[in-house]
Each structure stands twice: as structure tokens, then as C-alpha cells.
Amino acid sequence: MAMTVEGLAGLALMFSSSFLLQVLACAIYSNWWPMLSALMYVLVPMPCMFFGGGSTEYLLTRDGGGWIDAAKFLTGASTVGSLAIPIILRHAHLISTGAMLIEFMSFFIFVCTVMCFHRASLEDEW
């Protein structure tokens, strides 16, 4: 089943709503510290692009190897960092609880977008 235009538009809408929540978490509380987690959103796909050849199939394999294991580790570390940054900022009293919760919603929507894209890319025949 190939990805349709509606599916692609849905993914774009999900991604843009995630980014909108990211900006709203900063703008509503007049504090731009939560934008640090947006840096992690940029780092999440980098191991896939550099070590996985642009494909996410390496994440599902049990095969090891130096670069594959490094890519899995860096993907996991940047994903955990996306959750940890708002928690650390809240613990340091740099952001409010509301901003932290909005960041978590943004992360949840972002992860759902990535999972939907991953599933669609596995089913898509190039």
C-alpha cells in the first residue's frame, strides 16, 4: 500500500501541530527555555540518516555491528533526551509545570508522527 496524498498531508499536519505546541509552550509562558527540546527533535533522525542509510529498518533488526549499534544507541539517547530536557528544566524551576506538560504533548504527537511515517515507509515500494 503506497502512501497517499491524504496520508502525507496528515503526517504534515501532525508534525506541524507538534511544532506549534512546542512554540506555544514557550510563548504562553513567555519563557523560551522549552525550545531546547526542539534541538533534540532535530537530533532524533540523524543516526538514521548517517548510519542507517536513510532507512529506519535497522531499528527493527537484531543484527549488531559497530555502526548499527551506535545508531540504535544515539536514537535512543536523543529520544530520552527529548523527554528529559523538560523534566530537568522544570526541576531547576526554569519552566512551569504547564509548559512541561505541553512539551510532553508535543513529544507524544511527534513520536506518533514518526511511527506513522515509519510504518508507511516500510509498506511503500519505491
PDB file of N, CA and C in Angstrom:
ATOM      1  N   MET A   1       0.851  -1.171   0.000  1.00  0.00           N
ATOM      2  CA  MET A   1       0.000   0.000   0.000  1.00  0.00           C
ATOM      3  C   MET A   1       0.895   1.231   0.000  1.00  0.00           C
ATOM      4  N   ALA A   2       0.777   2.028  -0.999  1.00  0.00           N
ATOM      5  CA  ALA A   2       1.605   3.219  -1.120  1.00  0.00           C
ATOM      6  C   ALA A   2       1.017   4.363  -0.305  1.00  0.00           C
ATOM      7  N   MET A   3       1.883   5.281   0.090  1.00  0.00           N
ATOM      8  CA  MET A   3       1.422   6.437   0.853  1.00  0.00           C
ATOM      9  C   MET A   3       0.661   7.370  -0.068  1.00  0.00           C
ATOM     10  N   THR A   4      -0.540   7.716   0.339  1.00  0.00           N
ATOM     11  CA  THR A   4      -1.379   8.595  -0.469  1.00  0.00           C
ATOM     12  C   THR A   4      -1.106  10.052  -0.123  1.00  0.00           C
ATOM     13  N   VAL A   5      -1.689  10.917  -0.918  1.00  0.00           N
ATOM     14  CA  VAL A   5      -1.546  12.347  -0.675  1.00  0.00           C
ATOM     15  C   VAL A   5      -2.213  12.713   0.650  1.00  0.00           C
ATOM     16  N   GLU A   6      -3.361  12.072   0.938  1.00  0.00           N
ATOM     17  CA  GLU A   6      -4.045  12.345   2.206  1.00  0.00           C
ATOM     18  C   GLU A   6      -3.194  11.905   3.400  1.00  0.00           C
ATOM     19  N   GLY A   7      -2.523  10.765   3.252  1.00  0.00           N
ATOM     20  CA  GLY A   7      -1.653  10.293   4.334  1.00  0.00           C
ATOM     21  C   GLY A   7      -0.476  11.219   4.562  1.00  0.00           C
ATOM     22  N   LEU A   8       0.101  11.679   3.475  1.00  0.00           N
ATOM     23  CA  LEU A   8       1.217  12.614   3.578  1.00  0.00           C
ATOM     24  C   LEU A   8       0.768  13.936   4.185  1.00  0.00           C
ATOM     25  N   ALA A   9      -0.412  14.401   3.793  1.00  0.00           N
ATOM     26  CA  ALA A   9      -0.948  15.637   4.364  1.00  0.00           C
ATOM     27  C   ALA A   9      -1.246  15.460   5.850  1.00  0.00           C
ATOM     28  N   GLY A  10      -1.722  14.282   6.235  1.00  0.00           N
ATOM     29  CA  GLY A  10      -1.972  14.007   7.650  1.00  0.00           C
ATOM     30  C   GLY A  10      -0.689  14.021   8.468  1.00  0.00           C
ATOM     31  N   LEU A  11       0.361  13.435   7.907  1.00  0.00           N
ATOM     32  CA  LEU A  11       1.654  13.455   8.600  1.00  0.00           C
ATOM     33  C   LEU A  11       2.183  14.875   8.734  1.00  0.00           C
ATOM     34  N   ALA A  12       2.015  15.670   7.686  1.00  0.00           N
ATOM     35  CA  ALA A  12       2.458  17.068   7.744  1.00  0.00           C
ATOM     36  C   ALA A  12       1.665  17.843   8.784  1.00  0.00           C
ATOM     37  N   LEU A  13       0.363  17.564   8.882  1.00  0.00           N
ATOM     38  CA  LEU A  13      -0.471  18.220   9.884  1.00  0.00           C
ATOM     39  C   LEU A  13      -0.059  17.814  11.303  1.00  0.00           C
ATOM     40  N   MET A  14       0.241  16.534  11.486  1.00  0.00           N
ATOM     41  CA  MET A  14       0.682  16.077  12.802  1.00  0.00           C
ATOM     42  C   MET A  14       2.006  16.725  13.192  1.00  0.00           C
ATOM     43  N   PHE A  15       2.945  16.762  12.252  1.00  0.00           N
ATOM     44  CA  PHE A  15       4.243  17.359  12.551  1.00  0.00           C
ATOM     45  C   PHE A  15       4.113  18.846  12.856  1.00  0.00           C
ATOM     46  N   SER A  16       3.306  19.544  12.070  1.00  0.00           N
ATOM     47  CA  SER A  16       3.155  20.984  12.298  1.00  0.00           C
ATOM     48  C   SER A  16       2.423  21.266  13.603  1.00  0.00           C
ATOM     49  N   SER A  17       1.481  20.407  13.990  1.00  0.00           N
ATOM     50  CA  SER A  17       0.816  20.616  15.280  1.00  0.00           C
ATOM     51  C   SER A  17       1.774  20.338  16.436  1.00  0.00           C
ATOM     52  N   SER A  18       2.676  19.392  16.258  1.00  0.00           N
ATOM     53  CA  SER A  18       3.689  19.141  17.285  1.00  0.00           C
ATOM     54  C   SER A  18       4.601  20.348  17.443  1.00  0.00           C
ATOM     55  N   PHE A  19       5.018  20.923  16.321  1.00  0.00           N
ATOM     56  CA  PHE A  19       5.882  22.095  16.383  1.00  0.00           C
ATOM     57  C   PHE A  19       5.121  23.305  16.932  1.00  0.00           C
ATOM     58  N   LEU A  20       3.837  23.422  16.601  1.00  0.00           N
ATOM     59  CA  LEU A  20       3.017  24.505  17.144  1.00  0.00           C
ATOM     60  C   LEU A  20       2.927  24.407  18.665  1.00  0.00           C
ATOM     61  N   LEU A  21       2.717  23.204  19.182  1.00  0.00           N
ATOM     62  CA  LEU A  21       2.692  23.035  20.632  1.00  0.00           C
ATOM     63  C   LEU A  21       4.036  23.390  21.255  1.00  0.00           C
ATOM     64  N   GLN A  22       5.109  23.067  20.553  1.00  0.00           N
ATOM     65  CA  GLN A  22       6.450  23.414  21.038  1.00  0.00           C
ATOM     66  C   GLN A  22       6.584  24.925  21.192  1.00  0.00           C
ATOM     67  N   VAL A  23       6.143  25.665  20.186  1.00  0.00           N
ATOM     68  CA  VAL A  23       6.235  27.124  20.226  1.00  0.00           C
ATOM     69  C   VAL A  23       5.262  27.689  21.259  1.00  0.00           C
ATOM     70  N   LEU A  24       4.073  27.113  21.363  1.00  0.00           N
ATOM     71  CA  LEU A  24       3.094  27.596  22.344  1.00  0.00           C
ATOM     72  C   LEU A  24       3.572  27.396  23.779  1.00  0.00           C
ATOM     73  N   ALA A  25       4.285  26.298  24.026  1.00  0.00           N
ATOM     74  CA  ALA A  25       4.827  26.071  25.369  1.00  0.00           C
ATOM     75  C   ALA A  25       5.771  27.192  25.757  1.00  0.00           C
ATOM     76  N   CYS A  26       6.428  27.772  24.768  1.00  0.00           N
ATOM     77  CA  CYS A  26       7.332  28.886  25.032  1.00  0.00           C
ATOM     78  C   CYS A  26       6.582  30.210  25.087  1.00  0.00           C
ATOM     79  N   ALA A  27       5.701  30.432  24.138  1.00  0.00           N
ATOM     80  CA  ALA A  27       5.049  31.734  24.012  1.00  0.00           C
ATOM     81  C   ALA A  27       4.019  31.995  25.113  1.00  0.00           C
ATOM     82  N   ILE A  28       3.271  30.990  25.504  1.00  0.00           N
ATOM     83  CA  ILE A  28       2.231  31.190  26.520  1.00  0.00           C
ATOM     84  C   ILE A  28       2.839  31.627  27.844  1.00  0.00           C
ATOM     85  N   TYR A  29       3.951  31.043  28.192  1.00  0.00           N
ATOM     86  CA  TYR A  29       4.570  31.326  29.488  1.00  0.00           C
ATOM     87  C   TYR A  29       5.704  32.341  29.383  1.00  0.00           C
ATOM     88  N   SER A  30       5.898  32.938  28.224  1.00  0.00           N
ATOM     89  CA  SER A  30       6.938  33.951  27.984  1.00  0.00           C
ATOM     90  C   SER A  30       8.314  33.485  28.467  1.00  0.00           C
ATOM     91  N   ASN A  31       8.630  32.250  28.116  1.00  0.00           N
ATOM     92  CA  ASN A  31       9.880  31.643  28.525  1.00  0.00           C
ATOM     93  C   ASN A  31      10.326  30.722  27.391  1.00  0.00           C
ATOM     94  N   TRP A  32      11.479  30.979  26.836  1.00  0.00           N
ATOM     95  CA  TRP A  32      11.906  30.222  25.663  1.00  0.00           C
ATOM     96  C   TRP A  32      12.843  29.069  25.988  1.00  0.00           C
ATOM     97  N   TRP A  33      12.997  28.724  27.246  1.00  0.00           N
ATOM     98  CA  TRP A  33      13.808  27.574  27.618  1.00  0.00           C
ATOM     99  C   TRP A  33      13.282  26.254  27.045  1.00  0.00           C
ATOM    100  N   PRO A  34      11.965  26.065  26.947  1.00  0.00           N
ATOM    101  CA  PRO A  34      11.500  24.776  26.400  1.00  0.00           C
ATOM    102  C   PRO A  34      11.926  24.501  24.963  1.00  0.00           C
ATOM    103  N   MET A  35      12.399  25.508  24.246  1.00  0.00           N
ATOM    104  CA  MET A  35      12.852  25.276  22.879  1.00  0.00           C
ATOM    105  C   MET A  35      14.107  24.407  22.824  1.00  0.00           C
ATOM    106  N   LEU A  36      14.744  24.169  23.964  1.00  0.00           N
ATOM    107  CA  LEU A  36      15.899  23.267  23.984  1.00  0.00           C
ATOM    108  C   LEU A  36      15.517  21.860  23.540  1.00  0.00           C
ATOM    109  N   SER A  37      14.300  21.439  23.864  1.00  0.00           N
ATOM    110  CA  SER A  37      13.898  20.093  23.448  1.00  0.00           C
ATOM    111  C   SER A  37      13.667  20.024  21.945  1.00  0.00           C
ATOM    112  N   ALA A  38      13.429  21.144  21.281  1.00  0.00           N
ATOM    113  CA  ALA A  38      13.319  21.136  19.817  1.00  0.00           C
ATOM    114  C   ALA A  38      14.658  20.760  19.183  1.00  0.00           C
ATOM    115  N   LEU A  39      15.750  21.073  19.859  1.00  0.00           N
ATOM    116  CA  LEU A  39      17.068  20.657  19.387  1.00  0.00           C
ATOM    117  C   LEU A  39      17.152  19.134  19.334  1.00  0.00           C
ATOM    118  N   MET A  40      16.563  18.481  20.306  1.00  0.00           N
ATOM    119  CA  MET A  40      16.575  17.024  20.326  1.00  0.00           C
ATOM    120  C   MET A  40      15.728  16.452  19.198  1.00  0.00           C
ATOM    121  N   TYR A  41      14.654  17.149  18.820  1.00  0.00           N
ATOM    122  CA  TYR A  41      13.828  16.687  17.698  1.00  0.00           C
ATOM    123  C   TYR A  41      14.639  16.668  16.416  1.00  0.00           C
ATOM    124  N   VAL A  42      15.598  17.562  16.305  1.00  0.00           N
ATOM    125  CA  VAL A  42      16.465  17.587  15.132  1.00  0.00           C
ATOM    126  C   VAL A  42      17.467  16.444  15.207  1.00  0.00           C
ATOM    127  N   LEU A  43      17.906  16.088  16.405  1.00  0.00           N
ATOM    128  CA  LEU A  43      18.916  15.047  16.560  1.00  0.00           C
ATOM    129  C   LEU A  43      18.371  13.630  16.440  1.00  0.00           C
ATOM    130  N   VAL A  44      17.056  13.434  16.645  1.00  0.00           N
ATOM    131  CA  VAL A  44      16.487  12.087  16.615  1.00  0.00           C
ATOM    132  C   VAL A  44      16.702  11.399  15.259  1.00  0.00           C
ATOM    133  N   PRO A  45      16.437  12.027  14.116  1.00  0.00           N
ATOM    134  CA  PRO A  45      16.625  11.292  12.851  1.00  0.00           C
ATOM    135  C   PRO A  45      18.061  11.244  12.334  1.00  0.00           C
ATOM    136  N   MET A  46      18.982  11.932  12.963  1.00  0.00           N
ATOM    137  CA  MET A  46      20.355  11.975  12.452  1.00  0.00           C
ATOM    138  C   MET A  46      21.034  10.599  12.396  1.00  0.00           C
ATOM    139  N   PRO A  47      20.947   9.756  13.431  1.00  0.00           N
ATOM    140  CA  PRO A  47      21.587   8.430  13.312  1.00  0.00           C
ATOM    141  C   PRO A  47      21.016   7.605  12.164  1.00  0.00           C
ATOM    142  N   CYS A  48      19.720   7.750  11.921  1.00  0.00           N
ATOM    143  CA  CYS A  48      19.091   7.031  10.812  1.00  0.00           C
ATOM    144  C   CYS A  48      19.654   7.505   9.483  1.00  0.00           C
ATOM    145  N   MET A  49      19.841   8.807   9.360  1.00  0.00           N
ATOM    146  CA  MET A  49      20.346   9.351   8.108  1.00  0.00           C
ATOM    147  C   MET A  49      21.813   9.006   7.881  1.00  0.00           C
ATOM    148  N   PHE A  50      22.615   9.058   8.940  1.00  0.00           N
ATOM    149  CA  PHE A  50      24.047   8.850   8.783  1.00  0.00           C
ATOM    150  C   PHE A  50      24.454   7.378   8.789  1.00  0.00           C
ATOM    151  N   PHE A  51      23.894   6.595   9.728  1.00  0.00           N
ATOM    152  CA  PHE A  51      24.331   5.207   9.886  1.00  0.00           C
ATOM    153  C   PHE A  51      23.383   4.198   9.275  1.00  0.00           C
ATOM    154  N   GLY A  52      22.112   4.559   9.118  1.00  0.00           N
ATOM    155  CA  GLY A  52      21.130   3.620   8.586  1.00  0.00           C
ATOM    156  C   GLY A  52      20.875   3.766   7.112  1.00  0.00           C
ATOM    157  N   GLY A  53      21.548   4.675   6.454  1.00  0.00           N
ATOM    158  CA  GLY A  53      21.351   4.872   5.031  1.00  0.00           C
ATOM    159  C   GLY A  53      20.007   5.498   4.690  1.00  0.00           C
ATOM    160  N   GLY A  54      19.418   6.224   5.636  1.00  0.00           N
ATOM    161  CA  GLY A  54      18.135   6.874   5.382  1.00  0.00           C
ATOM    162  C   GLY A  54      16.941   5.980   5.640  1.00  0.00           C
ATOM    163  N   SER A  55      17.165   4.734   5.989  1.00  0.00           N
ATOM    164  CA  SER A  55      16.083   3.793   6.243  1.00  0.00           C
ATOM    165  C   SER A  55      15.968   3.542   7.740  1.00  0.00           C
ATOM    166  N   THR A  56      14.752   3.305   8.200  1.00  0.00           N
ATOM    167  CA  THR A  56      14.542   3.018   9.621  1.00  0.00           C
ATOM    168  C   THR A  56      14.482   1.521   9.895  1.00  0.00           C
ATOM    169  N   GLU A  57      14.759   0.690   8.906  1.00  0.00           N
ATOM    170  CA  GLU A  57      14.659  -0.757   9.078  1.00  0.00           C
ATOM    171  C   GLU A  57      15.696  -1.302  10.060  1.00  0.00           C
ATOM    172  N   TYR A  58      16.805  -0.604  10.230  1.00  0.00           N
ATOM    173  CA  TYR A  58      17.852  -1.090  11.135  1.00  0.00           C
ATOM    174  C   TYR A  58      17.378  -1.102  12.585  1.00  0.00           C
ATOM    175  N   LEU A  59      16.379  -0.285  12.907  1.00  0.00           N
ATOM    176  CA  LEU A  59      15.880  -0.240  14.279  1.00  0.00           C
ATOM    177  C   LEU A  59      15.155  -1.519  14.676  1.00  0.00           C
ATOM    178  N   LEU A  60      14.619  -2.243  13.701  1.00  0.00           N
ATOM    179  CA  LEU A  60      13.844  -3.444  13.986  1.00  0.00           C
ATOM    180  C   LEU A  60      14.665  -4.718  13.930  1.00  0.00           C
ATOM    181  N   THR A  61      15.889  -4.651  13.464  1.00  0.00           N
ATOM    182  CA  THR A  61      16.698  -5.857  13.331  1.00  0.00           C
ATOM    183  C   THR A  61      17.429  -6.159  14.635  1.00  0.00           C
ATOM    184  N   ARG A  62      17.749  -7.413  14.805  1.00  0.00           N
ATOM    185  CA  ARG A  62      18.538  -7.826  15.959  1.00  0.00           C
ATOM    186  C   ARG A  62      20.013  -7.886  15.597  1.00  0.00           C
ATOM    187  N   ASP A  63      20.283  -7.640  14.335  1.00  0.00           N
ATOM    188  CA  ASP A  63      21.672  -7.670  13.871  1.00  0.00           C
ATOM    189  C   ASP A  63      22.458  -6.567  14.553  1.00  0.00           C
ATOM    190  N   GLY A  64      23.671  -6.907  14.895  1.00  0.00           N
ATOM    191  CA  GLY A  64      24.539  -5.936  15.538  1.00  0.00           C
ATOM    192  C   GLY A  64      25.598  -5.432  14.583  1.00  0.00           C
ATOM    193  N   GLY A  65      26.566  -4.877  15.159  1.00  0.00           N
ATOM    194  CA  GLY A  65      27.647  -4.294  14.375  1.00  0.00           C
ATOM    195  C   GLY A  65      27.941  -2.930  14.960  1.00  0.00           C
ATOM    196  N   GLY A  66      29.126  -2.474  14.731  1.00  0.00           N
ATOM    197  CA  GLY A  66      29.555  -1.215  15.336  1.00  0.00           C
ATOM    198  C   GLY A  66      28.663  -0.035  15.008  1.00  0.00           C
ATOM    199  N   TRP A  67      28.416   0.183  13.716  1.00  0.00           N
ATOM    200  CA  TRP A  67      27.652   1.371  13.324  1.00  0.00           C
ATOM    201  C   TRP A  67      26.161   1.215  13.606  1.00  0.00           C
ATOM    202  N   ILE A  68      25.644   0.015  13.458  1.00  0.00           N
ATOM    203  CA  ILE A  68      24.221  -0.219  13.726  1.00  0.00           C
ATOM    204  C   ILE A  68      23.945  -0.028  15.212  1.00  0.00           C
ATOM    205  N   ASP A  69      24.811  -0.573  16.056  1.00  0.00           N
ATOM    206  CA  ASP A  69      24.631  -0.396  17.494  1.00  0.00           C
ATOM    207  C   ASP A  69      24.784   1.072  17.901  1.00  0.00           C
ATOM    208  N   ALA A  70      25.706   1.765  17.288  1.00  0.00           N
ATOM    209  CA  ALA A  70      25.877   3.191  17.574  1.00  0.00           C
ATOM    210  C   ALA A  70      24.641   3.970  17.167  1.00  0.00           C
ATOM    211  N   ALA A  71      24.062   3.630  16.017  1.00  0.00           N
ATOM    212  CA  ALA A  71      22.854   4.318  15.559  1.00  0.00           C
ATOM    213  C   ALA A  71      21.681   4.055  16.495  1.00  0.00           C
ATOM    214  N   LYS A  72      21.533   2.817  16.951  1.00  0.00           N
ATOM    215  CA  LYS A  72      20.459   2.493  17.892  1.00  0.00           C
ATOM    216  C   LYS A  72      20.646   3.242  19.204  1.00  0.00           C
ATOM    217  N   PHE A  73      21.882   3.281  19.693  1.00  0.00           N
ATOM    218  CA  PHE A  73      22.151   3.984  20.946  1.00  0.00           C
ATOM    219  C   PHE A  73      21.868   5.478  20.818  1.00  0.00           C
ATOM    220  N   LEU A  74      22.341   6.100  19.742  1.00  0.00           N
ATOM    221  CA  LEU A  74      22.142   7.537  19.571  1.00  0.00           C
ATOM    222  C   LEU A  74      20.669   7.888  19.362  1.00  0.00           C
ATOM    223  N   THR A  75      19.924   7.033  18.681  1.00  0.00           N
ATOM    224  CA  THR A  75      18.485   7.257  18.524  1.00  0.00           C
ATOM    225  C   THR A  75      17.791   7.185  19.874  1.00  0.00           C
ATOM    226  N   GLY A  76      18.130   6.183  20.666  1.00  0.00           N
ATOM    227  CA  GLY A  76      17.536   6.053  21.997  1.00  0.00           C
ATOM    228  C   GLY A  76      17.928   7.187  22.921  1.00  0.00           C
ATOM    229  N   ALA A  77      19.187   7.598  22.872  1.00  0.00           N
ATOM    230  CA  ALA A  77      19.648   8.683  23.741  1.00  0.00           C
ATOM    231  C   ALA A  77      18.974  10.002  23.388  1.00  0.00           C
ATOM    232  N   SER A  78      18.811  10.283  22.107  1.00  0.00           N
ATOM    233  CA  SER A  78      18.151  11.532  21.738  1.00  0.00           C
ATOM    234  C   SER A  78      16.654  11.485  22.036  1.00  0.00           C
ATOM    235  N   THR A  79      16.051  10.314  21.976  1.00  0.00           N
ATOM    236  CA  THR A  79      14.639  10.185  22.340  1.00  0.00           C
ATOM    237  C   THR A  79      14.446  10.394  23.838  1.00  0.00           C
ATOM    238  N   VAL A  80      15.303   9.798  24.639  1.00  0.00           N
ATOM    239  CA  VAL A  80      15.214  10.001  26.085  1.00  0.00           C
ATOM    240  C   VAL A  80      15.523  11.453  26.436  1.00  0.00           C
ATOM    241  N   GLY A  81      16.451  12.059  25.727  1.00  0.00           N
ATOM    242  CA  GLY A  81      16.769  13.466  25.951  1.00  0.00           C
ATOM    243  C   GLY A  81      15.593  14.380  25.663  1.00  0.00           C
ATOM    244  N   SER A  82      14.765  14.008  24.684  1.00  0.00           N
ATOM    245  CA  SER A  82      13.579  14.807  24.374  1.00  0.00           C
ATOM    246  C   SER A  82      12.610  14.841  25.540  1.00  0.00           C
ATOM    247  N   LEU A  83      12.553  13.772  26.297  1.00  0.00           N
ATOM    248  CA  LEU A  83      11.705  13.750  27.492  1.00  0.00           C
ATOM    249  C   LEU A  83      12.418  14.329  28.713  1.00  0.00           C
ATOM    250  N   ALA A  84      13.714  14.126  28.788  1.00  0.00           N
ATOM    251  CA  ALA A  84      14.447  14.539  29.979  1.00  0.00           C
ATOM    252  C   ALA A  84      14.648  16.045  30.075  1.00  0.00           C
ATOM    253  N   ILE A  85      14.801  16.718  28.953  1.00  0.00           N
ATOM    254  CA  ILE A  85      15.069  18.162  28.983  1.00  0.00           C
ATOM    255  C   ILE A  85      13.943  18.933  29.660  1.00  0.00           C
ATOM    256  N   PRO A  86      12.655  18.717  29.304  1.00  0.00           N
ATOM    257  CA  PRO A  86      11.610  19.445  30.025  1.00  0.00           C
ATOM    258  C   PRO A  86      11.545  19.100  31.519  1.00  0.00           C
ATOM    259  N   ILE A  87      11.822  17.851  31.853  1.00  0.00           N
ATOM    260  CA  ILE A  87      11.804  17.449  33.266  1.00  0.00           C
ATOM    261  C   ILE A  87      12.920  18.156  34.031  1.00  0.00           C
ATOM    262  N   ILE A  88      14.108  18.202  33.451  1.00  0.00           N
ATOM    263  CA  ILE A  88      15.237  18.874  34.105  1.00  0.00           C
ATOM    264  C   ILE A  88      14.978  20.367  34.233  1.00  0.00           C
ATOM    265  N   LEU A  89      14.425  20.975  33.181  1.00  0.00           N
ATOM    266  CA  LEU A  89      14.115  22.403  33.238  1.00  0.00           C
ATOM    267  C   LEU A  89      13.057  22.697  34.298  1.00  0.00           C
ATOM    268  N   ARG A  90      12.081  21.811  34.434  1.00  0.00           N
ATOM    269  CA  ARG A  90      11.056  22.011  35.471  1.00  0.00           C
ATOM    270  C   ARG A  90      11.670  21.836  36.859  1.00  0.00           C
ATOM    271  N   HIS A  91      12.531  20.852  37.008  1.00  0.00           N
ATOM    272  CA  HIS A  91      13.168  20.616  38.302  1.00  0.00           C
ATOM    273  C   HIS A  91      14.050  21.795  38.711  1.00  0.00           C
ATOM    274  N   ALA A  92      14.656  22.460  37.731  1.00  0.00           N
ATOM    275  CA  ALA A  92      15.505  23.625  38.005  1.00  0.00           C
ATOM    276  C   ALA A  92      14.685  24.916  38.118  1.00  0.00           C
ATOM    277  N   HIS A  93      13.363  24.793  38.047  1.00  0.00           N
ATOM    278  CA  HIS A  93      12.441  25.938  38.147  1.00  0.00           C
ATOM    279  C   HIS A  93      12.671  26.968  37.043  1.00  0.00           C
ATOM    280  N   LEU A  94      13.082  26.482  35.868  1.00  0.00           N
ATOM    281  CA  LEU A  94      13.253  27.376  34.733  1.00  0.00           C
ATOM    282  C   LEU A  94      11.987  27.464  33.885  1.00  0.00           C
ATOM    283  N   ILE A  95      11.148  26.429  33.943  1.00  0.00           N
ATOM    284  CA  ILE A  95       9.866  26.451  33.238  1.00  0.00           C
ATOM    285  C   ILE A  95       8.774  26.039  34.205  1.00  0.00           C
ATOM    286  N   SER A  96       7.532  26.336  33.849  1.00  0.00           N
ATOM    287  CA  SER A  96       6.404  25.975  34.704  1.00  0.00           C
ATOM    288  C   SER A  96       5.918  24.563  34.365  1.00  0.00           C
ATOM    289  N   THR A  97       5.043  24.049  35.219  1.00  0.00           N
ATOM    290  CA  THR A  97       4.504  22.710  35.006  1.00  0.00           C
ATOM    291  C   THR A  97       3.660  22.665  33.732  1.00  0.00           C
ATOM    292  N   GLY A  98       2.918  23.735  33.452  1.00  0.00           N
ATOM    293  CA  GLY A  98       2.112  23.776  32.235  1.00  0.00           C
ATOM    294  C   GLY A  98       2.953  23.677  30.982  1.00  0.00           C
ATOM    295  N   ALA A  99       4.075  24.372  30.961  1.00  0.00           N
ATOM    296  CA  ALA A  99       4.972  24.312  29.807  1.00  0.00           C
ATOM    297  C   ALA A  99       5.539  22.902  29.651  1.00  0.00           C
ATOM    298  N   MET A 100       5.855  22.257  30.763  1.00  0.00           N
ATOM    299  CA  MET A 100       6.381  20.901  30.706  1.00  0.00           C
ATOM    300  C   MET A 100       5.331  19.945  30.135  1.00  0.00           C
ATOM    301  N   LEU A 101       4.079  20.090  30.556  1.00  0.00           N
ATOM    302  CA  LEU A 101       3.023  19.212  30.056  1.00  0.00           C
ATOM    303  C   LEU A 101       2.747  19.446  28.566  1.00  0.00           C
ATOM    304  N   ILE A 102       2.808  20.700  28.142  1.00  0.00           N
ATOM    305  CA  ILE A 102       2.649  20.986  26.713  1.00  0.00           C
ATOM    306  C   ILE A 102       3.808  20.376  25.926  1.00  0.00           C
ATOM    307  N   GLU A 103       4.996  20.413  26.482  1.00  0.00           N
ATOM    308  CA  GLU A 103       6.151  19.783  25.835  1.00  0.00           C
ATOM    309  C   GLU A 103       5.942  18.280  25.696  1.00  0.00           C
ATOM    310  N   PHE A 104       5.383  17.650  26.715  1.00  0.00           N
ATOM    311  CA  PHE A 104       5.119  16.210  26.645  1.00  0.00           C
ATOM    312  C   PHE A 104       4.086  15.887  25.570  1.00  0.00           C
ATOM    313  N   MET A 105       3.051  16.718  25.445  1.00  0.00           N
ATOM    314  CA  MET A 105       2.059  16.510  24.387  1.00  0.00           C
ATOM    315  C   MET A 105       2.704  16.678  23.016  1.00  0.00           C
ATOM    316  N   SER A 106       3.572  17.672  22.886  1.00  0.00           N
ATOM    317  CA  SER A 106       4.289  17.885  21.632  1.00  0.00           C
ATOM    318  C   SER A 106       5.146  16.668  21.295  1.00  0.00           C
ATOM    319  N   PHE A 107       5.822  16.117  22.283  1.00  0.00           N
ATOM    320  CA  PHE A 107       6.655  14.937  22.073  1.00  0.00           C
ATOM    321  C   PHE A 107       5.809  13.737  21.673  1.00  0.00           C
ATOM    322  N   PHE A 108       4.667  13.559  22.338  1.00  0.00           N
ATOM    323  CA  PHE A 108       3.786  12.427  22.030  1.00  0.00           C
ATOM    324  C   PHE A 108       3.295  12.507  20.580  1.00  0.00           C
ATOM    325  N   ILE A 109       2.886  13.686  20.134  1.00  0.00           N
ATOM    326  CA  ILE A 109       2.421  13.851  18.754  1.00  0.00           C
ATOM    327  C   ILE A 109       3.582  13.630  17.785  1.00  0.00           C
ATOM    328  N   PHE A 110       4.764  14.109  18.132  1.00  0.00           N
ATOM    329  CA  PHE A 110       5.937  13.917  17.285  1.00  0.00           C
ATOM    330  C   PHE A 110       6.278  12.434  17.144  1.00  0.00           C
ATOM    331  N   VAL A 111       6.232  11.697  18.241  1.00  0.00           N
ATOM    332  CA  VAL A 111       6.527  10.261  18.198  1.00  0.00           C
ATOM    333  C   VAL A 111       5.474   9.528  17.367  1.00  0.00           C
ATOM    334  N   CYS A 112       4.211   9.896  17.522  1.00  0.00           N
ATOM    335  CA  CYS A 112       3.158   9.283  16.699  1.00  0.00           C
ATOM    336  C   CYS A 112       3.384   9.563  15.219  1.00  0.00           C
ATOM    337  N   THR A 113       3.833  10.765  14.894  1.00  0.00           N
ATOM    338  CA  THR A 113       4.126  11.110  13.508  1.00  0.00           C
ATOM    339  C   THR A 113       5.263  10.247  12.966  1.00  0.00           C
ATOM    340  N   VAL A 114       6.304  10.095  13.747  1.00  0.00           N
ATOM    341  CA  VAL A 114       7.450   9.291  13.314  1.00  0.00           C
ATOM    342  C   VAL A 114       7.053   7.827  13.151  1.00  0.00           C
ATOM    343  N   MET A 115       6.235   7.316  14.068  1.00  0.00           N
ATOM    344  CA  MET A 115       5.797   5.921  13.978  1.00  0.00           C
ATOM    345  C   MET A 115       4.918   5.704  12.737  1.00  0.00           C
ATOM    346  N   CYS A 116       4.033   6.638  12.464  1.00  0.00           N
ATOM    347  CA  CYS A 116       3.184   6.523  11.267  1.00  0.00           C
ATOM    348  C   CYS A 116       4.026   6.598  10.001  1.00  0.00           C
ATOM    349  N   PHE A 117       5.000   7.496   9.971  1.00  0.00           N
ATOM    350  CA  PHE A 117       5.880   7.593   8.808  1.00  0.00           C
ATOM    351  C   PHE A 117       6.702   6.322   8.633  1.00  0.00           C
ATOM    352  N   HIS A 118       7.192   5.777   9.730  1.00  0.00           N
ATOM    353  CA  HIS A 118       7.983   4.545   9.689  1.00  0.00           C
ATOM    354  C   HIS A 118       7.147   3.398   9.117  1.00  0.00           C
ATOM    355  N   ARG A 119       5.925   3.273   9.586  1.00  0.00           N
ATOM    356  CA  ARG A 119       5.053   2.201   9.101  1.00  0.00           C
ATOM    357  C   ARG A 119       4.745   2.389   7.614  1.00  0.00           C
ATOM    358  N   ALA A 120       4.468   3.617   7.224  1.00  0.00           N
ATOM    359  CA  ALA A 120       4.159   3.877   5.818  1.00  0.00           C
ATOM    360  C   ALA A 120       5.377   3.651   4.933  1.00  0.00           C
ATOM    361  N   SER A 121       6.564   3.974   5.425  1.00  0.00           N
ATOM    362  CA  SER A 121       7.765   3.787   4.609  1.00  0.00           C
ATOM    363  C   SER A 121       8.127   2.308   4.488  1.00  0.00           C
ATOM    364  N   LEU A 122       7.764   1.498   5.464  1.00  0.00           N
ATOM    365  CA  LEU A 122       8.022   0.059   5.344  1.00  0.00           C
ATOM    366  C   LEU A 122       7.083  -0.582   4.337  1.00  0.00           C
ATOM    367  N   GLU A 123       5.853  -0.076   4.232  1.00  0.00           N
ATOM    368  CA  GLU A 123       4.880  -0.629   3.302  1.00  0.00           C
ATOM    369  C   GLU A 123       5.049  -0.095   1.904  1.00  0.00           C
ATOM    370  N   ASP A 124       5.706   1.029   1.751  1.00  0.00           N
ATOM    371  CA  ASP A 124       5.822   1.699   0.463  1.00  0.00           C
ATOM    372  C   ASP A 124       6.900   1.031  -0.379  1.00  0.00           C
ATOM    373  N   GLU A 125       6.584   0.768  -1.616  1.00  0.00           N
ATOM    374  CA  GLU A 125       7.560   0.207  -2.563  1.00  0.00           C
ATOM    375  C   GLU A 125       8.103   1.337  -3.414  1.00  0.00           C
ATOM    376  N   TRP A 126       9.380   1.543  -3.407  1.00  0.00           N
ATOM    377  CA  TRP A 126       9.971   2.637  -4.176  1.00  0.00           C
ATOM    378  C   TRP A 126      10.247   2.152  -5.551  1.00  0.00           C
TER     379      TRP A 126
END
